[in-house]
N, C-alpha and C. Protein backbone atom coordinates (compact mmCIF):
# COMPACT_ATOMS: atom_id res chain seq x y z
N MET A 1 -111.41 30.03 -48.65
CA MET A 1 -112.11 29.03 -47.80
C MET A 1 -111.59 27.76 -48.02
N GLU A 2 -111.19 26.98 -47.27
CA GLU A 2 -110.88 25.53 -47.60
C GLU A 2 -112.01 24.85 -48.14
N LYS A 3 -111.74 23.79 -49.22
CA LYS A 3 -112.87 23.45 -49.85
C LYS A 3 -113.74 22.28 -49.08
N THR A 4 -113.38 21.70 -48.07
CA THR A 4 -114.35 20.98 -47.29
C THR A 4 -115.21 21.77 -46.46
N LEU A 5 -114.73 22.90 -45.97
CA LEU A 5 -115.82 23.93 -45.30
C LEU A 5 -116.66 24.43 -46.37
N LEU A 6 -115.94 24.69 -47.49
CA LEU A 6 -116.98 25.47 -48.85
C LEU A 6 -118.13 24.60 -48.84
N LYS A 7 -117.54 23.02 -49.07
CA LYS A 7 -118.73 22.35 -49.23
C LYS A 7 -119.84 22.07 -48.52
N LYS A 8 -119.48 22.50 -46.99
CA LYS A 8 -120.48 22.39 -45.99
C LYS A 8 -120.91 23.43 -46.05
N GLU A 9 -120.70 24.49 -46.36
CA GLU A 9 -121.57 26.18 -46.43
C GLU A 9 -122.45 25.87 -47.45
N LEU A 10 -122.04 25.16 -48.72
CA LEU A 10 -123.05 25.05 -49.93
C LEU A 10 -123.74 24.19 -49.16
N LYS A 11 -123.72 23.08 -48.52
CA LYS A 11 -124.98 22.26 -48.09
C LYS A 11 -125.77 22.73 -47.26
N ASP A 12 -125.29 23.56 -46.37
CA ASP A 12 -126.19 24.09 -45.24
C ASP A 12 -126.79 25.55 -45.74
N LEU A 13 -126.07 26.44 -46.59
CA LEU A 13 -127.20 27.33 -46.87
C LEU A 13 -127.79 27.28 -48.35
N PHE A 14 -127.36 26.10 -48.90
CA PHE A 14 -128.35 25.85 -50.36
C PHE A 14 -128.71 24.55 -50.47
N PRO A 15 -129.77 24.30 -49.46
CA PRO A 15 -130.00 22.80 -49.15
C PRO A 15 -131.01 22.14 -50.84
N ILE A 16 -131.22 23.11 -51.50
CA ILE A 16 -131.84 22.63 -52.55
C ILE A 16 -130.95 22.04 -53.51
N PHE A 17 -129.74 22.12 -53.44
CA PHE A 17 -128.39 21.67 -54.29
C PHE A 17 -128.21 20.36 -53.63
N SER A 18 -129.24 19.22 -54.31
CA SER A 18 -129.32 17.77 -53.74
C SER A 18 -128.17 17.05 -54.48
N GLN A 19 -127.38 17.65 -55.27
CA GLN A 19 -126.55 16.37 -55.79
C GLN A 19 -124.82 17.05 -55.26
N SER A 20 -124.39 15.57 -54.77
CA SER A 20 -123.46 15.80 -54.63
C SER A 20 -122.48 16.25 -55.71
N GLU A 21 -122.73 15.86 -56.78
CA GLU A 21 -121.73 16.32 -58.35
C GLU A 21 -121.70 18.01 -58.44
N LEU A 22 -123.21 18.42 -58.15
CA LEU A 22 -123.21 19.81 -58.71
C LEU A 22 -122.45 20.70 -57.32
N ILE A 23 -122.80 20.23 -55.99
CA ILE A 23 -121.80 20.75 -55.02
C ILE A 23 -120.40 20.55 -55.29
N GLU A 24 -119.92 19.81 -55.75
CA GLU A 24 -118.43 19.16 -56.05
C GLU A 24 -118.19 20.50 -57.03
N GLU A 25 -118.49 20.56 -58.10
CA GLU A 25 -118.54 21.53 -59.36
C GLU A 25 -118.48 23.00 -58.86
N ILE A 26 -119.55 23.45 -58.30
CA ILE A 26 -119.51 24.94 -57.71
C ILE A 26 -118.50 25.01 -56.93
N SER A 27 -118.03 24.35 -56.31
CA SER A 27 -116.97 24.61 -55.05
C SER A 27 -115.64 24.65 -55.80
N GLU A 28 -115.48 23.58 -57.15
CA GLU A 28 -114.16 23.78 -57.95
C GLU A 28 -114.09 25.31 -58.79
N ARG A 29 -115.14 25.52 -59.41
CA ARG A 29 -115.02 26.56 -60.32
C ARG A 29 -115.46 27.85 -59.62
N GLY A 30 -116.33 28.17 -58.77
CA GLY A 30 -116.55 29.28 -57.98
C GLY A 30 -115.33 29.87 -57.30
N GLN A 31 -115.40 31.02 -57.18
CA GLN A 31 -114.36 32.09 -56.36
C GLN A 31 -114.99 32.86 -55.15
N ILE A 32 -114.29 32.44 -54.00
CA ILE A 32 -114.96 33.26 -52.62
C ILE A 32 -114.44 34.65 -52.77
N LEU A 33 -115.72 35.47 -52.98
CA LEU A 33 -115.06 37.23 -52.74
C LEU A 33 -115.67 37.66 -51.26
N GLU A 34 -114.94 38.85 -51.15
CA GLU A 34 -115.04 38.93 -49.81
C GLU A 34 -115.58 40.73 -50.30
N ILE A 35 -116.73 41.25 -50.25
CA ILE A 35 -117.21 42.40 -51.11
C ILE A 35 -117.66 43.35 -49.56
N PRO A 36 -116.95 44.93 -49.44
CA PRO A 36 -117.16 45.24 -48.58
C PRO A 36 -118.70 46.33 -48.74
N ALA A 37 -119.04 47.21 -47.57
CA ALA A 37 -120.55 47.57 -47.98
C ALA A 37 -120.27 48.79 -48.81
N GLY A 38 -121.12 49.20 -49.51
CA GLY A 38 -120.84 50.27 -50.52
C GLY A 38 -120.49 50.03 -51.77
N HIS A 39 -120.00 48.60 -51.81
CA HIS A 39 -119.21 48.32 -53.35
C HIS A 39 -120.44 48.20 -54.31
N ARG A 40 -120.49 48.36 -55.34
CA ARG A 40 -121.08 48.25 -56.57
C ARG A 40 -120.57 47.01 -57.46
N VAL A 41 -121.89 46.08 -57.14
CA VAL A 41 -121.63 44.46 -57.91
C VAL A 41 -122.00 44.68 -59.05
N PHE A 42 -123.04 45.24 -59.55
CA PHE A 42 -123.27 45.20 -60.81
C PHE A 42 -123.96 46.52 -61.23
N ASP A 43 -123.89 47.12 -62.27
CA ASP A 43 -124.53 48.24 -62.73
C ASP A 43 -125.23 48.22 -63.94
N PHE A 44 -125.92 48.90 -64.01
CA PHE A 44 -127.19 49.02 -65.35
C PHE A 44 -126.27 49.00 -66.78
N GLY A 45 -126.77 48.06 -67.54
CA GLY A 45 -125.68 47.77 -68.70
C GLY A 45 -124.42 47.08 -68.90
N ASN A 46 -123.86 46.46 -67.51
CA ASN A 46 -122.98 45.80 -67.42
C ASN A 46 -123.29 44.78 -68.07
N ILE A 47 -122.13 43.99 -68.59
CA ILE A 47 -122.12 42.46 -69.29
C ILE A 47 -122.04 41.36 -67.93
N ILE A 48 -122.75 40.45 -67.88
CA ILE A 48 -122.58 39.68 -66.61
C ILE A 48 -121.62 38.54 -66.59
N THR A 49 -120.74 39.03 -65.72
CA THR A 49 -119.68 37.60 -66.02
C THR A 49 -119.56 36.57 -64.73
N VAL A 50 -120.22 36.78 -63.72
CA VAL A 50 -120.43 35.70 -62.57
C VAL A 50 -121.55 36.00 -62.03
N ILE A 51 -121.78 34.95 -61.51
CA ILE A 51 -123.47 35.20 -60.62
C ILE A 51 -122.96 34.95 -58.82
N PRO A 52 -123.46 35.89 -58.24
CA PRO A 52 -123.06 35.25 -57.31
C PRO A 52 -124.16 34.46 -56.16
N LEU A 53 -123.55 33.74 -55.44
CA LEU A 53 -124.30 33.08 -53.88
C LEU A 53 -123.94 33.47 -52.76
N VAL A 54 -124.72 34.01 -52.34
CA VAL A 54 -124.53 34.96 -50.97
C VAL A 54 -123.95 33.83 -49.50
N PHE A 55 -123.24 34.01 -48.93
CA PHE A 55 -123.17 33.37 -47.91
C PHE A 55 -123.39 34.15 -46.63
N SER A 56 -122.83 35.61 -46.59
CA SER A 56 -123.19 36.50 -45.29
C SER A 56 -123.22 37.53 -45.86
N GLY A 57 -123.86 38.49 -45.14
CA GLY A 57 -124.19 40.08 -45.74
C GLY A 57 -125.41 39.82 -46.39
N SER A 58 -125.55 41.27 -47.08
CA SER A 58 -126.74 41.50 -48.06
C SER A 58 -126.50 42.40 -49.16
N ILE A 59 -127.28 42.24 -50.53
CA ILE A 59 -127.04 43.14 -51.58
C ILE A 59 -128.63 43.73 -51.59
N LYS A 60 -128.00 44.87 -51.98
CA LYS A 60 -129.71 45.61 -52.45
C LYS A 60 -130.22 45.76 -53.74
N VAL A 61 -130.86 45.47 -54.52
CA VAL A 61 -130.97 45.31 -55.88
C VAL A 61 -131.81 46.42 -56.26
N VAL A 62 -131.55 47.42 -57.25
CA VAL A 62 -132.31 48.31 -57.94
C VAL A 62 -132.68 48.60 -59.10
N ARG A 63 -133.70 48.80 -59.57
CA ARG A 63 -134.09 49.22 -61.10
C ARG A 63 -134.14 50.73 -61.53
N GLU A 64 -133.52 50.86 -62.94
CA GLU A 64 -133.58 51.93 -63.41
C GLU A 64 -134.70 51.91 -64.62
N ASP A 65 -135.55 53.08 -64.77
CA ASP A 65 -136.53 53.23 -65.96
C ASP A 65 -135.55 54.20 -67.10
N GLU A 66 -136.32 54.50 -68.40
CA GLU A 66 -135.58 54.96 -69.31
C GLU A 66 -135.57 56.15 -69.11
N GLU A 67 -135.82 56.81 -67.88
CA GLU A 67 -135.77 58.31 -67.71
C GLU A 67 -134.49 58.41 -66.64
N GLY A 68 -133.95 57.43 -66.07
CA GLY A 68 -132.96 57.27 -65.00
C GLY A 68 -133.61 57.53 -63.65
N ASN A 69 -134.69 57.12 -63.56
CA ASN A 69 -135.32 57.15 -62.29
C ASN A 69 -135.05 55.38 -61.46
N GLU A 70 -134.58 55.50 -60.22
CA GLU A 70 -134.30 54.56 -59.81
C GLU A 70 -135.39 54.03 -58.80
N ILE A 71 -135.35 52.87 -58.64
CA ILE A 71 -136.49 52.08 -57.48
C ILE A 71 -135.93 50.72 -56.87
N PHE A 72 -136.01 50.77 -55.56
CA PHE A 72 -135.45 49.65 -54.82
C PHE A 72 -136.41 48.35 -55.08
N LEU A 73 -135.81 47.37 -55.20
CA LEU A 73 -136.44 46.09 -55.40
C LEU A 73 -136.67 45.11 -54.71
N TYR A 74 -135.49 44.56 -54.10
CA TYR A 74 -135.47 43.71 -53.15
C TYR A 74 -133.78 43.44 -52.51
N TYR A 75 -133.78 42.55 -51.58
CA TYR A 75 -132.25 42.42 -51.08
C TYR A 75 -131.82 40.95 -51.39
N ILE A 76 -130.53 40.73 -51.63
CA ILE A 76 -130.22 39.52 -51.70
C ILE A 76 -129.83 39.14 -50.31
N ARG A 77 -130.06 38.10 -49.78
CA ARG A 77 -129.54 37.55 -48.18
C ARG A 77 -128.63 36.49 -48.42
N LYS A 78 -128.40 36.06 -47.21
CA LYS A 78 -127.30 34.75 -46.98
C LYS A 78 -128.05 33.48 -48.00
N GLY A 79 -127.72 32.43 -48.49
CA GLY A 79 -128.34 31.64 -48.94
C GLY A 79 -129.32 31.78 -50.37
N GLU A 80 -129.27 33.06 -50.76
CA GLU A 80 -129.82 33.25 -51.99
C GLU A 80 -128.89 33.95 -52.98
N SER A 81 -129.36 33.90 -54.22
CA SER A 81 -128.94 34.69 -55.38
C SER A 81 -129.61 35.82 -56.15
N CYS A 82 -129.17 36.39 -57.12
CA CYS A 82 -129.83 37.36 -57.52
C CYS A 82 -130.71 36.74 -59.04
N ALA A 83 -132.32 36.74 -59.01
CA ALA A 83 -132.98 36.44 -60.09
C ALA A 83 -132.77 37.14 -61.63
N MET A 84 -132.72 38.58 -61.30
CA MET A 84 -132.59 39.27 -62.56
C MET A 84 -130.74 39.19 -63.33
N THR A 85 -129.99 39.14 -62.17
CA THR A 85 -128.95 38.83 -62.88
C THR A 85 -128.90 37.15 -63.39
N LEU A 86 -129.45 36.27 -62.84
CA LEU A 86 -129.39 34.96 -63.50
C LEU A 86 -130.01 34.66 -64.76
N SER A 87 -131.01 35.62 -65.17
CA SER A 87 -132.04 36.00 -66.41
C SER A 87 -131.29 36.44 -66.95
N SER A 88 -130.73 37.45 -67.10
CA SER A 88 -129.37 38.51 -67.74
C SER A 88 -128.72 37.39 -68.35
N CYS A 89 -127.97 36.56 -67.21
CA CYS A 89 -126.96 35.82 -67.70
C CYS A 89 -127.26 34.70 -68.46
N LEU A 90 -128.79 33.84 -68.26
CA LEU A 90 -129.21 33.06 -69.38
C LEU A 90 -129.48 33.33 -70.64
N LYS A 91 -130.15 34.79 -70.52
CA LYS A 91 -130.49 35.23 -71.76
C LYS A 91 -129.14 36.00 -72.65
N ARG A 92 -128.18 36.03 -72.20
CA ARG A 92 -126.77 36.83 -72.39
C ARG A 92 -127.23 38.25 -73.08
N GLU A 93 -128.16 38.84 -71.70
CA GLU A 93 -128.27 40.20 -72.02
C GLU A 93 -127.52 40.93 -71.03
N LYS A 94 -127.20 42.47 -71.47
CA LYS A 94 -127.02 43.28 -70.31
C LYS A 94 -127.70 43.27 -68.98
N SER A 95 -126.70 43.80 -68.03
CA SER A 95 -127.55 43.87 -66.64
C SER A 95 -128.73 44.93 -66.62
N SER A 96 -129.95 44.57 -66.33
CA SER A 96 -130.95 45.50 -66.18
C SER A 96 -131.30 45.88 -64.70
N ILE A 97 -130.17 45.63 -63.48
CA ILE A 97 -130.36 46.02 -62.53
C ILE A 97 -128.92 46.64 -62.13
N LYS A 98 -128.93 47.33 -61.08
CA LYS A 98 -127.77 47.68 -60.20
C LYS A 98 -127.52 47.19 -58.77
N ALA A 99 -126.66 46.64 -58.48
CA ALA A 99 -126.86 45.92 -57.15
C ALA A 99 -125.55 46.47 -56.15
N ILE A 100 -125.98 46.99 -55.03
CA ILE A 100 -125.11 47.60 -54.13
C ILE A 100 -124.82 46.72 -52.99
N VAL A 101 -123.85 46.49 -52.18
CA VAL A 101 -123.65 45.85 -51.33
C VAL A 101 -123.70 46.68 -50.09
N GLN A 102 -124.66 46.14 -48.68
CA GLN A 102 -125.35 46.84 -47.88
C GLN A 102 -124.42 46.56 -46.65
N SER A 103 -124.17 45.62 -46.39
CA SER A 103 -123.39 45.36 -45.29
C SER A 103 -121.98 44.01 -45.80
N ASP A 104 -121.18 44.30 -45.16
CA ASP A 104 -119.76 43.59 -45.65
C ASP A 104 -120.21 42.07 -46.01
N THR A 105 -120.25 41.47 -46.87
CA THR A 105 -120.56 40.18 -47.88
C THR A 105 -119.80 39.28 -48.15
N LEU A 106 -119.79 37.89 -47.84
CA LEU A 106 -119.14 37.16 -48.41
C LEU A 106 -119.75 36.22 -49.46
N ALA A 107 -119.25 35.87 -50.71
CA ALA A 107 -120.21 35.43 -51.91
C ALA A 107 -119.16 34.52 -52.46
N LEU A 108 -119.74 33.76 -53.13
CA LEU A 108 -119.51 32.60 -54.15
C LEU A 108 -119.62 33.22 -55.52
N ALA A 109 -118.39 33.52 -56.39
CA ALA A 109 -118.77 34.23 -57.75
C ALA A 109 -118.55 33.04 -58.79
N LEU A 110 -119.66 32.39 -59.51
CA LEU A 110 -119.58 31.62 -60.17
C LEU A 110 -119.37 31.91 -61.61
N PRO A 111 -118.59 31.73 -62.61
CA PRO A 111 -118.44 32.45 -63.73
C PRO A 111 -119.38 31.67 -64.69
N VAL A 112 -120.21 32.56 -65.64
CA VAL A 112 -121.43 32.32 -66.36
C VAL A 112 -121.38 31.03 -67.24
N GLU A 113 -120.01 30.82 -67.70
CA GLU A 113 -119.96 29.64 -68.66
C GLU A 113 -120.41 28.46 -67.84
N ALA A 114 -120.15 28.34 -66.43
CA ALA A 114 -120.48 27.18 -65.59
C ALA A 114 -122.22 27.18 -65.36
N VAL A 115 -122.88 28.18 -65.13
CA VAL A 115 -123.94 28.64 -64.93
C VAL A 115 -124.56 27.91 -66.19
N TYR A 116 -124.40 28.09 -67.25
CA TYR A 116 -125.02 27.93 -68.37
C TYR A 116 -125.39 26.17 -68.74
N GLY A 117 -124.01 25.56 -68.10
CA GLY A 117 -123.94 24.13 -68.01
C GLY A 117 -124.99 23.60 -67.22
N PHE A 118 -124.56 24.29 -65.86
CA PHE A 118 -125.47 23.61 -64.75
C PHE A 118 -126.94 23.06 -65.21
N ALA A 119 -127.20 24.04 -65.76
CA ALA A 119 -129.24 23.69 -66.11
C ALA A 119 -129.49 22.64 -66.97
N HIS A 120 -128.40 22.22 -67.49
CA HIS A 120 -128.54 20.71 -68.39
C HIS A 120 -127.93 19.60 -67.87
N LYS A 121 -127.42 20.04 -66.93
CA LYS A 121 -126.61 18.74 -66.20
C LYS A 121 -127.06 18.35 -64.86
N TYR A 122 -127.89 19.29 -64.10
CA TYR A 122 -128.17 18.66 -62.61
C TYR A 122 -129.52 19.52 -62.41
N PRO A 123 -130.36 18.55 -62.25
CA PRO A 123 -131.90 19.16 -62.08
C PRO A 123 -132.16 20.28 -61.19
N SER A 124 -131.17 19.70 -59.77
CA SER A 124 -131.33 20.49 -58.62
C SER A 124 -130.68 21.84 -58.81
N TRP A 125 -130.24 22.03 -59.72
CA TRP A 125 -129.91 23.86 -60.29
C TRP A 125 -130.72 24.40 -60.74
N SER A 126 -131.69 23.61 -61.90
CA SER A 126 -133.19 23.98 -62.34
C SER A 126 -134.11 24.61 -61.18
N ASP A 127 -134.06 23.55 -60.07
CA ASP A 127 -135.10 23.61 -59.20
C ASP A 127 -134.59 24.78 -58.48
N PHE A 128 -133.09 25.20 -58.16
CA PHE A 128 -132.96 26.57 -57.48
C PHE A 128 -133.30 27.70 -58.34
N LEU A 129 -133.14 27.64 -59.57
CA LEU A 129 -133.49 28.53 -60.80
C LEU A 129 -135.15 29.06 -60.43
N VAL A 130 -136.06 27.89 -60.30
CA VAL A 130 -137.38 28.27 -60.20
C VAL A 130 -137.56 28.62 -58.85
N ASP A 131 -137.09 28.07 -57.77
CA ASP A 131 -137.39 28.63 -56.66
C ASP A 131 -136.58 30.10 -56.46
N THR A 132 -135.50 30.66 -56.84
CA THR A 132 -135.26 31.87 -56.86
C THR A 132 -135.98 33.13 -57.63
N TYR A 133 -136.45 32.40 -58.93
CA TYR A 133 -137.41 33.34 -59.58
C TYR A 133 -138.69 33.35 -58.87
N SER A 134 -139.22 32.22 -58.31
CA SER A 134 -140.42 32.48 -57.58
C SER A 134 -140.69 33.50 -56.63
N ARG A 135 -139.07 32.98 -55.64
CA ARG A 135 -139.14 34.28 -54.50
C ARG A 135 -139.19 35.44 -54.83
N ARG A 136 -138.24 35.87 -55.77
CA ARG A 136 -138.11 37.34 -56.47
C ARG A 136 -139.49 37.72 -56.70
N PHE A 137 -139.95 36.99 -57.75
CA PHE A 137 -141.41 37.44 -57.84
C PHE A 137 -142.18 37.90 -56.95
N GLU A 138 -142.66 37.10 -56.14
CA GLU A 138 -143.52 37.86 -55.06
C GLU A 138 -142.75 38.83 -54.40
N GLU A 139 -141.41 38.93 -54.24
CA GLU A 139 -140.95 40.32 -53.70
C GLU A 139 -141.49 41.31 -54.44
N ILE A 140 -141.34 40.83 -56.08
CA ILE A 140 -141.38 42.32 -56.86
C ILE A 140 -142.94 42.90 -56.73
N LEU A 141 -143.99 41.57 -56.63
CA LEU A 141 -145.21 41.77 -56.85
C LEU A 141 -145.47 42.67 -55.04
N ALA A 142 -144.70 42.43 -54.24
CA ALA A 142 -144.89 43.38 -53.14
C ALA A 142 -144.68 44.88 -53.26
N VAL A 143 -143.68 44.99 -53.91
CA VAL A 143 -143.37 46.35 -54.46
C VAL A 143 -144.49 47.01 -55.14
N VAL A 144 -144.71 46.12 -56.10
CA VAL A 144 -145.82 47.07 -56.91
C VAL A 144 -147.31 47.14 -56.18
N ASP A 145 -147.49 46.23 -55.20
CA ASP A 145 -148.41 46.44 -54.12
C ASP A 145 -148.30 47.65 -53.36
N ASN A 146 -147.23 47.39 -52.78
CA ASN A 146 -146.77 48.76 -52.12
C ASN A 146 -147.11 50.40 -52.77
N ILE A 147 -146.67 50.14 -54.14
CA ILE A 147 -146.74 51.47 -54.59
C ILE A 147 -148.20 51.64 -55.06
N ALA A 148 -148.54 50.78 -55.55
CA ALA A 148 -150.43 50.81 -56.20
C ALA A 148 -151.08 51.09 -54.89
N PHE A 149 -150.93 50.53 -53.68
CA PHE A 149 -151.84 50.82 -52.66
C PHE A 149 -151.53 51.27 -51.45
N ASN A 150 -150.29 51.74 -51.06
CA ASN A 150 -149.77 52.33 -49.84
C ASN A 150 -149.39 53.84 -50.09
N LYS A 151 -149.50 54.60 -49.19
CA LYS A 151 -149.59 55.89 -49.53
C LYS A 151 -147.96 55.83 -48.75
N MET A 152 -147.51 57.22 -49.40
CA MET A 152 -146.00 57.22 -49.17
C MET A 152 -144.98 57.06 -47.52
N ASP A 153 -146.40 57.39 -46.71
CA ASP A 153 -145.72 57.32 -45.51
C ASP A 153 -145.53 55.55 -45.01
N VAL A 154 -146.65 55.19 -45.23
CA VAL A 154 -146.56 53.74 -45.24
C VAL A 154 -145.34 53.02 -45.98
N ARG A 155 -145.08 53.29 -47.11
CA ARG A 155 -144.04 52.86 -47.88
C ARG A 155 -142.62 53.09 -47.25
N LEU A 156 -142.60 54.17 -46.51
CA LEU A 156 -141.50 54.74 -45.99
C LEU A 156 -141.21 54.19 -44.66
N LEU A 157 -142.10 53.44 -44.07
CA LEU A 157 -141.68 52.72 -42.84
C LEU A 157 -141.35 51.68 -43.12
N LYS A 158 -142.15 50.73 -44.15
CA LYS A 158 -141.85 49.33 -44.72
C LYS A 158 -140.62 49.43 -45.08
N TYR A 159 -140.09 50.62 -45.54
CA TYR A 159 -138.50 50.57 -45.85
C TYR A 159 -137.88 50.51 -45.16
N LEU A 160 -137.82 51.45 -44.04
CA LEU A 160 -136.85 51.44 -43.15
C LEU A 160 -137.10 50.15 -42.08
N MET A 161 -138.11 49.68 -41.89
CA MET A 161 -138.26 48.42 -41.02
C MET A 161 -137.40 47.29 -42.00
N GLU A 162 -138.08 47.05 -43.15
CA GLU A 162 -136.98 46.26 -43.63
C GLU A 162 -135.31 46.40 -44.16
N LYS A 163 -134.89 47.79 -43.88
CA LYS A 163 -133.63 48.08 -43.86
C LYS A 163 -132.70 47.79 -42.70
N GLY A 164 -133.73 47.92 -41.60
CA GLY A 164 -133.35 47.84 -40.27
C GLY A 164 -133.03 46.39 -39.90
N LYS A 165 -134.11 45.28 -40.55
CA LYS A 165 -134.02 43.83 -40.48
C LYS A 165 -132.98 43.29 -41.33
N ILE A 166 -132.48 43.69 -42.60
CA ILE A 166 -131.55 43.48 -43.10
C ILE A 166 -130.01 43.71 -42.45
N MET A 167 -129.69 45.08 -42.00
CA MET A 167 -128.76 45.55 -41.25
C MET A 167 -128.57 44.93 -39.67
N GLY A 168 -129.49 44.51 -39.20
CA GLY A 168 -129.66 44.00 -37.91
C GLY A 168 -129.49 44.88 -36.94
N THR A 169 -130.07 46.33 -37.25
CA THR A 169 -129.85 47.15 -36.06
C THR A 169 -130.89 48.43 -36.33
N ASP A 170 -131.58 48.68 -35.30
CA ASP A 170 -132.44 49.86 -35.31
C ASP A 170 -131.86 51.64 -35.61
N LYS A 171 -130.57 51.23 -35.88
CA LYS A 171 -130.22 52.97 -36.12
C LYS A 171 -129.77 52.50 -37.19
N LEU A 172 -130.37 53.21 -38.58
CA LEU A 172 -129.84 53.13 -39.58
C LEU A 172 -128.94 54.48 -39.94
N THR A 173 -127.72 54.00 -40.57
CA THR A 173 -127.13 55.31 -41.35
C THR A 173 -127.54 55.30 -42.65
N VAL A 174 -128.20 56.14 -42.93
CA VAL A 174 -128.96 56.61 -44.43
C VAL A 174 -129.27 57.99 -44.69
N SER A 175 -128.79 58.35 -45.91
CA SER A 175 -129.31 59.70 -45.92
C SER A 175 -130.71 60.24 -46.65
N LYS A 176 -131.31 61.17 -46.51
CA LYS A 176 -132.87 61.32 -46.80
C LYS A 176 -132.66 61.21 -48.41
N THR A 177 -131.65 61.72 -49.23
CA THR A 177 -131.56 61.62 -50.60
C THR A 177 -131.66 60.13 -51.09
N ALA A 178 -130.82 59.36 -50.11
CA ALA A 178 -130.50 58.02 -50.46
C ALA A 178 -132.15 57.33 -50.63
N ILE A 179 -132.78 57.40 -49.38
CA ILE A 179 -133.91 57.05 -49.01
C ILE A 179 -134.87 57.54 -50.32
N ALA A 180 -135.19 58.65 -51.12
CA ALA A 180 -136.02 59.19 -51.73
C ALA A 180 -135.84 58.46 -52.94
N LYS A 181 -134.45 58.21 -53.07
CA LYS A 181 -133.75 57.36 -54.64
C LYS A 181 -134.21 56.25 -54.55
N ASP A 182 -134.45 55.51 -53.61
CA ASP A 182 -134.69 54.09 -53.35
C ASP A 182 -136.41 53.77 -53.74
N LEU A 183 -137.18 54.94 -53.09
CA LEU A 183 -138.76 55.09 -53.03
C LEU A 183 -139.05 56.10 -54.21
N ASN A 184 -138.36 56.21 -55.02
CA ASN A 184 -138.93 57.25 -56.37
C ASN A 184 -139.44 58.50 -55.61
N SER A 185 -138.78 58.92 -54.97
CA SER A 185 -139.90 60.12 -54.42
C SER A 185 -138.80 61.29 -54.48
N SER A 186 -139.06 62.41 -53.65
CA SER A 186 -138.07 63.53 -53.74
C SER A 186 -137.80 63.68 -52.10
N ARG A 187 -136.61 64.32 -51.83
CA ARG A 187 -135.83 64.52 -50.52
C ARG A 187 -136.95 65.07 -49.78
N GLU A 188 -137.42 66.25 -50.44
CA GLU A 188 -138.29 67.04 -49.64
C GLU A 188 -139.52 66.30 -49.12
N VAL A 189 -139.99 65.68 -49.79
CA VAL A 189 -141.36 64.63 -49.34
C VAL A 189 -140.57 63.69 -48.17
N ILE A 190 -139.46 63.11 -48.49
CA ILE A 190 -138.99 62.22 -47.50
C ILE A 190 -138.93 62.75 -46.08
N SER A 191 -137.96 64.05 -46.44
CA SER A 191 -137.94 64.88 -45.05
C SER A 191 -138.98 65.34 -44.30
N ARG A 192 -140.24 65.80 -44.84
CA ARG A 192 -141.19 66.30 -43.98
C ARG A 192 -141.79 65.05 -43.75
N LEU A 193 -141.85 63.50 -44.28
CA LEU A 193 -142.90 62.40 -43.54
C LEU A 193 -141.58 61.86 -42.50
N LEU A 194 -140.43 61.69 -42.39
CA LEU A 194 -139.51 61.68 -41.13
C LEU A 194 -139.71 62.58 -40.22
N LYS A 195 -140.12 64.00 -40.11
CA LYS A 195 -140.15 64.39 -39.20
C LYS A 195 -141.70 64.45 -38.26
N GLN A 196 -142.71 63.89 -39.35
CA GLN A 196 -144.03 63.73 -38.74
C GLN A 196 -143.65 62.27 -38.24
N MET A 197 -143.00 61.22 -38.65
CA MET A 197 -142.81 60.29 -37.95
C MET A 197 -142.11 60.47 -36.78
N GLU A 198 -141.15 61.27 -36.69
CA GLU A 198 -140.30 61.59 -35.39
C GLU A 198 -141.22 62.50 -34.33
N LYS A 199 -141.87 63.06 -34.90
CA LYS A 199 -143.14 63.42 -34.01
C LYS A 199 -144.24 62.83 -33.34
N ASN A 200 -144.52 61.70 -34.43
CA ASN A 200 -145.24 60.44 -33.70
C ASN A 200 -144.45 59.50 -32.86
N LYS A 201 -143.37 59.53 -32.43
CA LYS A 201 -142.38 58.73 -31.82
C LYS A 201 -142.25 57.64 -32.49
N LEU A 202 -142.15 57.55 -33.60
CA LEU A 202 -142.01 56.22 -34.37
C LEU A 202 -140.49 56.20 -35.14
N VAL A 203 -139.74 57.24 -35.14
CA VAL A 203 -138.34 57.38 -35.15
C VAL A 203 -137.61 58.63 -34.29
N ARG A 204 -136.23 58.48 -34.37
CA ARG A 204 -135.74 59.32 -34.02
C ARG A 204 -134.43 59.99 -35.10
N LEU A 205 -134.41 61.08 -35.24
CA LEU A 205 -133.52 61.93 -36.39
C LEU A 205 -132.26 62.13 -35.86
N GLY A 206 -131.24 61.67 -36.36
CA GLY A 206 -129.92 62.45 -36.37
C GLY A 206 -129.29 62.76 -37.72
N ARG A 207 -127.98 63.35 -37.82
CA ARG A 207 -127.52 63.43 -39.00
C ARG A 207 -127.09 62.35 -39.85
N ASN A 208 -127.76 62.33 -41.08
CA ASN A 208 -127.96 61.23 -41.98
C ASN A 208 -127.64 59.57 -41.02
N THR A 209 -129.11 59.58 -39.86
CA THR A 209 -129.44 58.64 -39.27
C THR A 209 -130.60 58.72 -38.65
N VAL A 210 -131.52 57.45 -38.72
CA VAL A 210 -132.84 57.30 -38.64
C VAL A 210 -132.76 55.99 -37.49
N GLU A 211 -133.15 56.13 -36.27
CA GLU A 211 -133.48 55.31 -35.43
C GLU A 211 -134.59 54.95 -35.20
N LEU A 212 -135.15 53.53 -35.64
CA LEU A 212 -136.60 53.21 -35.31
C LEU A 212 -136.60 52.95 -33.88
N LEU A 213 -137.83 53.59 -33.54
CA LEU A 213 -138.26 53.07 -32.18
C LEU A 213 -139.51 52.49 -31.87
């Protein structure tokens, strides 16, 4: 991407970067990446070497417990970055999340050495960190509330609706096994609930597809 266009994209998608010097340094030090759907950007235990600023597409973030169970946390959309990755980067810790590209994604990858310096040099980068942490904290609270207060059928419907919104389609290509993994449930439970939802005309099921009605 040509540098002038890159700076314009940064200003449009990340208006919180109010300092022209920060925009200039990000455009100089970042690397544009075209990442295909299904690619694993980070995995549990990885050393974080770059921080993604998403220009288009979406990335799913998943957390794992000590027993290897996984649960979906949030999506990284255009104009956003990953709070968990930023935290691991700044604390120099290994990744505590797995990030998988949901739809073809264009992102600017910033080397961690640059990110360390930005917080000290640019107030607007610090504002960006606070905004990112705050936004993700609210999303994680929503996940906790969903688990604590909603039955699995409600959680499943919310999950499908959010995934449809992210992917920009009502017809989702997703397996029951993948859904069960994201919701920390079993394939059998998800299959039973989906059949009930189809009976109630909320969805139409196909081979590894769920169409939202």
